[in-house]
Amino acid sequence: MFGSIGMPELVVIFVIALIIFGPRKLPELGRSLGRSLGEFRRASNDLRNSLDEEVRLEEQRRAVEAAKPVDPLQTRPADESQPRSTGTGA
């Protein structure tokens, strides 16, 4: 879970934190750190879920576009379907 940090290193970190913050502040700091990590985890999961939902919707849109039949009369350029002006202005 902690990668290359073993039990001796965790004990040293805990002792240093105990010396710096004291025994009264340490539980409060642990709770606030735990809450912060939980909030960060929820936010990252929400972001991941919304991104996955957007990707899924985009794939559905592309599948619907690919499944639509192509009408050959609508594929010609727009200027061919409009009468051409002579450019005389009157």
C-alpha atoms as a PDB file:
ATOM      1  CA  MET A   1       0.000   0.000   0.000  1.00  0.00           C
ATOM      2  CA  PHE A   2       2.790   2.410   0.875  1.00  0.00           C
ATOM      3  CA  GLY A   3       5.237   1.236  -1.760  1.00  0.00           C
ATOM      4  CA  SER A   4       8.760   1.075  -0.396  1.00  0.00           C
ATOM      5  CA  ILE A   5       7.826   2.498   3.043  1.00  0.00           C
ATOM      6  CA  GLY A   6       8.057  -0.281   5.608  1.00  0.00           C
ATOM      7  CA  MET A   7       7.014  -0.553   9.232  1.00  0.00           C
ATOM      8  CA  PRO A   8      10.210   1.008  10.670  1.00  0.00           C
ATOM      9  CA  GLU A   9       9.816   4.071   8.452  1.00  0.00           C
ATOM     10  CA  LEU A  10       6.150   4.460   9.468  1.00  0.00           C
ATOM     11  CA  VAL A  11       7.134   4.301  13.155  1.00  0.00           C
ATOM     12  CA  VAL A  12       9.759   7.008  12.638  1.00  0.00           C
ATOM     13  CA  ILE A  13       7.229   9.221  10.809  1.00  0.00           C
ATOM     14  CA  PHE A  14       4.671   8.666  13.581  1.00  0.00           C
ATOM     15  CA  VAL A  15       7.197   9.546  16.327  1.00  0.00           C
ATOM     16  CA  ILE A  16       8.251  12.731  14.488  1.00  0.00           C
ATOM     17  CA  ALA A  17       4.609  13.734  14.023  1.00  0.00           C
ATOM     18  CA  LEU A  18       3.956  13.034  17.707  1.00  0.00           C
ATOM     19  CA  ILE A  19       6.886  15.244  18.729  1.00  0.00           C
ATOM     20  CA  ILE A  20       5.913  18.089  16.361  1.00  0.00           C
ATOM     21  CA  PHE A  21       2.135  18.170  16.898  1.00  0.00           C
ATOM     22  CA  GLY A  22       1.786  16.632  20.350  1.00  0.00           C
ATOM     23  CA  PRO A  23      -0.557  13.918  21.582  1.00  0.00           C
ATOM     24  CA  ARG A  24      -3.631  16.191  21.681  1.00  0.00           C
ATOM     25  CA  LYS A  25      -3.448  17.435  18.089  1.00  0.00           C
ATOM     26  CA  LEU A  26      -2.447  14.156  16.448  1.00  0.00           C
ATOM     27  CA  PRO A  27      -5.908  12.459  16.503  1.00  0.00           C
ATOM     28  CA  GLU A  28      -7.508  15.641  15.161  1.00  0.00           C
ATOM     29  CA  LEU A  29      -4.965  15.834  12.349  1.00  0.00           C
ATOM     30  CA  GLY A  30      -5.561  12.172  11.522  1.00  0.00           C
ATOM     31  CA  ARG A  31      -9.315  12.689  11.307  1.00  0.00           C
ATOM     32  CA  SER A  32      -8.980  15.765   9.097  1.00  0.00           C
ATOM     33  CA  LEU A  33      -6.500  13.951   6.861  1.00  0.00           C
ATOM     34  CA  GLY A  34      -8.867  10.994   6.583  1.00  0.00           C
ATOM     35  CA  ARG A  35     -11.792  13.267   5.708  1.00  0.00           C
ATOM     36  CA  SER A  36      -9.712  15.079   3.115  1.00  0.00           C
ATOM     37  CA  LEU A  37      -8.604  11.831   1.501  1.00  0.00           C
ATOM     38  CA  GLY A  38     -12.187  10.543   1.464  1.00  0.00           C
ATOM     39  CA  GLU A  39     -13.450  13.756  -0.131  1.00  0.00           C
ATOM     40  CA  PHE A  40     -10.682  13.636  -2.731  1.00  0.00           C
ATOM     41  CA  ARG A  41     -11.514  10.006  -3.512  1.00  0.00           C
ATOM     42  CA  ARG A  42     -15.219  10.816  -3.939  1.00  0.00           C
ATOM     43  CA  ALA A  43     -14.441  13.775  -6.186  1.00  0.00           C
ATOM     44  CA  SER A  44     -12.076  11.743  -8.355  1.00  0.00           C
ATOM     45  CA  ASN A  45     -14.638   8.929  -8.627  1.00  0.00           C
ATOM     46  CA  ASP A  46     -17.334  11.437  -9.628  1.00  0.00           C
ATOM     47  CA  LEU A  47     -15.035  12.911 -12.261  1.00  0.00           C
ATOM     48  CA  ARG A  48     -14.143   9.457 -13.594  1.00  0.00           C
ATOM     49  CA  ASN A  49     -17.829   8.460 -13.729  1.00  0.00           C
ATOM     50  CA  SER A  50     -18.829  11.630 -15.567  1.00  0.00           C
ATOM     51  CA  LEU A  51     -15.993  11.189 -18.078  1.00  0.00           C
ATOM     52  CA  ASP A  52     -16.971   7.564 -18.646  1.00  0.00           C
ATOM     53  CA  GLU A  53     -20.591   8.644 -19.162  1.00  0.00           C
ATOM     54  CA  GLU A  54     -19.555  11.305 -21.710  1.00  0.00           C
ATOM     55  CA  VAL A  55     -17.416   8.786 -23.608  1.00  0.00           C
ATOM     56  CA  ARG A  56     -20.293   6.309 -23.645  1.00  0.00           C
ATOM     57  CA  LEU A  57     -22.732   8.962 -24.925  1.00  0.00           C
ATOM     58  CA  GLU A  58     -20.291  10.049 -27.642  1.00  0.00           C
ATOM     59  CA  GLU A  59     -19.871   6.437 -28.764  1.00  0.00           C
ATOM     60  CA  GLN A  60     -23.653   6.068 -28.925  1.00  0.00           C
ATOM     61  CA  ARG A  61     -23.944   9.275 -30.996  1.00  0.00           C
ATOM     62  CA  ARG A  62     -21.308   8.041 -33.415  1.00  0.00           C
ATOM     63  CA  ALA A  63     -23.017   4.652 -33.704  1.00  0.00           C
ATOM     64  CA  VAL A  64     -26.343   6.349 -34.458  1.00  0.00           C
ATOM     65  CA  GLU A  65     -24.692   8.597 -37.062  1.00  0.00           C
ATOM     66  CA  ALA A  66     -23.011   5.608 -38.691  1.00  0.00           C
ATOM     67  CA  ALA A  67     -26.294   3.676 -38.777  1.00  0.00           C
ATOM     68  CA  LYS A  68     -28.264   6.463 -40.509  1.00  0.00           C
ATOM     69  CA  PRO A  69     -28.948   5.769 -44.173  1.00  0.00           C
ATOM     70  CA  VAL A  70     -27.357   8.239 -46.572  1.00  0.00           C
ATOM     71  CA  ASP A  71     -29.722  10.052 -48.923  1.00  0.00           C
ATOM     72  CA  PRO A  72     -27.871  10.657 -52.222  1.00  0.00           C
ATOM     73  CA  LEU A  73     -30.048  13.705 -52.979  1.00  0.00           C
ATOM     74  CA  GLN A  74     -28.818  15.458 -49.834  1.00  0.00           C
ATOM     75  CA  THR A  75     -25.140  14.792 -50.452  1.00  0.00           C
ATOM     76  CA  ARG A  76     -24.655  17.282 -53.296  1.00  0.00           C
ATOM     77  CA  PRO A  77     -23.211  20.703 -52.449  1.00  0.00           C
ATOM     78  CA  ALA A  78     -25.648  23.423 -51.392  1.00  0.00           C
ATOM     79  CA  ASP A  79     -24.700  25.823 -54.215  1.00  0.00           C
ATOM     80  CA  GLU A  80     -25.911  23.320 -56.867  1.00  0.00           C
ATOM     81  CA  SER A  81     -29.399  23.226 -55.376  1.00  0.00           C
ATOM     82  CA  GLN A  82     -29.696  27.050 -55.409  1.00  0.00           C
ATOM     83  CA  PRO A  83     -30.193  29.002 -58.653  1.00  0.00           C
ATOM     84  CA  ARG A  84     -27.101  30.871 -59.663  1.00  0.00           C
ATOM     85  CA  SER A  85     -27.170  34.632 -59.757  1.00  0.00           C
ATOM     86  CA  THR A  86     -25.891  36.423 -62.830  1.00  0.00           C
ATOM     87  CA  GLY A  87     -24.102  39.093 -60.829  1.00  0.00           C
ATOM     88  CA  THR A  88     -25.751  42.012 -62.645  1.00  0.00           C
ATOM     89  CA  GLY A  89     -27.311  43.363 -59.478  1.00  0.00           C
ATOM     90  CA  ALA A  90     -30.701  44.127 -60.995  1.00  0.00           C
END
